[in-house]
Amino acid sequence: MFKKRYLLAILSVMMFIACSDTLWDELPSPISTFITTYYPNSGISDYQEKDGNYYVKIKNGASMTFDSEYDWTEINGNGVPIPPIFIFNEMPKIYQYLEARELTSDLMEAKNEPRAIILTFTDFRLEYIKETGDIRTYMEKPVS
């Protein structure tokens, strides 16, 4: 009886691990690379492909949307700051702008729209206009 329960427990754990790995296996390679770069050692709690977009939810963390070319379009930290290396790697001009002004708040949400990148930090919002390279900072506290 003990051996059967022990075997059942082991099989249950293996099934749980297999389900988690299945989500990783389903991710397109550029998306899994993005996630392992900015969220190493994280698990995936949900992954969906719908209408040419990819939606990924990190366990206890960010929700992400990618377009049909696997470029990020939205990242919401869901109350957990987005790693600073994300700005450094993905948006060096914005990183330099923030560093020069000593703006060090945590990044909570990022939107990559066709004409602008909008970053929401804990105590301000930043808009980067792609066409002109202009950066605008709104110091009012963002609305949740």
Protein backbone atom coordinates (compact mmCIF):
# COMPACT_ATOMS: atom_id res chain seq x y z
CA MET A 1 0.00 0.00 0.00
CA PHE A 2 2.81 2.39 0.93
CA LYS A 3 4.62 1.65 -2.34
CA LYS A 4 1.48 2.43 -4.37
CA ARG A 5 1.00 5.79 -2.65
CA TYR A 6 4.66 6.62 -3.07
CA LEU A 7 4.53 5.69 -6.75
CA LEU A 8 1.34 7.72 -7.21
CA ALA A 9 2.94 10.75 -5.56
CA ILE A 10 6.00 10.51 -7.82
CA LEU A 11 3.83 10.17 -10.92
CA SER A 12 1.77 13.21 -9.89
CA VAL A 13 4.89 15.34 -9.50
CA MET A 14 6.21 14.16 -12.86
CA MET A 15 2.90 15.02 -14.55
CA PHE A 16 2.97 18.50 -13.02
CA ILE A 17 6.52 19.07 -14.26
CA ALA A 18 5.65 17.71 -17.69
CA CYS A 19 2.71 20.13 -18.03
CA SER A 20 4.95 23.07 -17.17
CA ASP A 21 7.58 21.93 -19.68
CA THR A 22 4.90 21.54 -22.34
CA LEU A 23 4.17 25.28 -22.23
CA TRP A 24 7.89 26.02 -22.71
CA ASP A 25 7.98 23.56 -25.60
CA GLU A 26 5.06 25.33 -27.30
CA LEU A 27 6.68 28.79 -27.20
CA PRO A 28 8.28 30.05 -30.41
CA SER A 29 12.05 30.21 -29.99
CA PRO A 30 12.34 34.06 -30.10
CA ILE A 31 9.75 34.37 -27.33
CA SER A 32 11.39 31.75 -25.11
CA THR A 33 14.74 33.50 -25.63
CA PHE A 34 13.16 36.84 -24.63
CA ILE A 35 11.70 35.31 -21.48
CA THR A 36 14.87 33.49 -20.42
CA THR A 37 16.85 36.71 -21.00
CA TYR A 38 14.67 38.92 -18.81
CA TYR A 39 13.01 36.37 -16.53
CA PRO A 40 15.57 33.58 -16.07
CA ASN A 41 14.46 30.51 -14.11
CA SER A 42 10.81 31.55 -14.36
CA GLY A 43 7.93 29.24 -15.06
CA ILE A 44 5.14 29.83 -17.54
CA SER A 45 1.60 29.68 -16.16
CA ASP A 46 -0.22 30.39 -19.44
CA TYR A 47 0.53 30.63 -23.14
CA GLN A 48 -1.91 31.31 -25.97
CA GLU A 49 -1.70 32.19 -29.64
CA LYS A 50 -4.67 34.15 -30.95
CA ASP A 51 -5.14 36.21 -34.12
CA GLY A 52 -1.42 36.29 -34.86
CA ASN A 53 -0.50 37.48 -31.35
CA TYR A 54 1.17 35.49 -28.60
CA TYR A 55 0.17 35.89 -24.96
CA VAL A 56 2.43 34.64 -22.18
CA LYS A 57 1.99 34.79 -18.41
CA ILE A 58 5.00 34.25 -16.17
CA LYS A 59 4.22 32.40 -12.92
CA ASN A 60 3.79 35.03 -10.18
CA GLY A 61 4.97 37.75 -12.55
CA ALA A 62 4.57 39.58 -15.81
CA SER A 63 2.06 39.17 -18.61
CA MET A 64 3.47 39.67 -22.11
CA THR A 65 2.11 40.10 -25.59
CA PHE A 66 4.12 39.52 -28.77
CA ASP A 67 3.10 40.23 -32.36
CA SER A 68 3.26 37.86 -35.33
CA GLU A 69 6.96 38.68 -35.80
CA TYR A 70 7.66 37.83 -32.14
CA ASP A 71 8.35 41.45 -31.16
CA TRP A 72 7.08 42.46 -27.73
CA THR A 73 4.05 44.76 -27.84
CA GLU A 74 3.11 44.89 -24.17
CA ILE A 75 4.58 43.83 -20.86
CA ASN A 76 2.70 44.26 -17.60
CA GLY A 77 4.65 43.44 -14.47
CA ASN A 78 1.42 42.79 -12.56
CA GLY A 79 2.80 44.57 -9.50
CA VAL A 80 6.32 43.18 -9.94
CA PRO A 81 8.93 45.52 -11.50
CA ILE A 82 10.14 44.68 -15.00
CA PRO A 83 13.90 43.98 -14.84
CA PRO A 84 16.00 47.13 -15.58
CA ILE A 85 18.13 45.17 -18.05
CA PHE A 86 15.05 45.14 -20.30
CA ILE A 87 15.32 48.93 -20.86
CA PHE A 88 19.10 48.74 -21.20
CA ASN A 89 18.95 46.04 -23.91
CA GLU A 90 15.74 46.92 -25.74
CA MET A 91 15.77 50.74 -25.56
CA PRO A 92 19.30 52.09 -25.05
CA LYS A 93 18.34 55.68 -25.89
CA ILE A 94 15.64 55.66 -23.22
CA TYR A 95 18.04 54.04 -20.75
CA GLN A 96 20.57 56.82 -21.35
CA TYR A 97 17.82 59.43 -20.90
CA LEU A 98 16.76 57.91 -17.59
CA GLU A 99 20.32 57.54 -16.36
CA ALA A 100 21.24 61.15 -17.24
CA ARG A 101 18.26 62.42 -15.23
CA GLU A 102 18.73 59.94 -12.39
CA LEU A 103 15.20 58.64 -12.85
CA THR A 104 15.39 55.35 -11.01
CA SER A 105 11.80 54.30 -10.36
CA ASP A 106 10.74 50.74 -11.07
CA LEU A 107 9.32 50.02 -14.52
CA MET A 108 5.88 48.45 -14.08
CA GLU A 109 4.45 48.41 -17.62
CA ALA A 110 5.74 48.82 -21.17
CA LYS A 111 3.74 49.28 -24.37
CA ASN A 112 5.29 49.17 -27.81
CA GLU A 113 2.75 50.94 -30.01
CA PRO A 114 3.22 51.63 -33.75
CA ARG A 115 4.31 55.24 -33.22
CA ALA A 116 5.48 55.34 -29.61
CA ILE A 117 6.83 53.35 -26.71
CA ILE A 118 5.06 54.14 -23.46
CA LEU A 119 6.69 53.16 -20.19
CA THR A 120 4.88 53.39 -16.88
CA PHE A 121 7.09 53.61 -13.81
CA THR A 122 6.02 53.70 -10.16
CA ASP A 123 5.88 57.50 -10.06
CA PHE A 124 5.98 58.78 -13.65
CA ARG A 125 5.23 57.92 -17.25
CA LEU A 126 7.55 58.23 -20.24
CA GLU A 127 6.67 58.41 -23.91
CA TYR A 128 9.22 57.83 -26.67
CA ILE A 129 8.12 59.00 -30.12
CA LYS A 130 9.71 56.61 -32.62
CA GLU A 131 9.52 58.91 -35.64
CA THR A 132 11.30 61.88 -34.03
CA GLY A 133 13.20 60.26 -31.17
CA ASP A 134 11.61 62.73 -28.75
CA ILE A 135 11.14 61.65 -25.15
CA ARG A 136 8.46 63.15 -22.92
CA THR A 137 8.22 62.55 -19.22
CA TYR A 138 4.99 62.99 -17.28
CA MET A 139 5.79 63.30 -13.61
CA GLU A 140 2.26 62.88 -12.29
CA LYS A 141 1.59 59.56 -10.62
CA PRO A 142 0.20 57.10 -13.18
CA VAL A 143 -3.42 56.05 -12.85
CA SER A 144 -3.79 52.36 -12.04
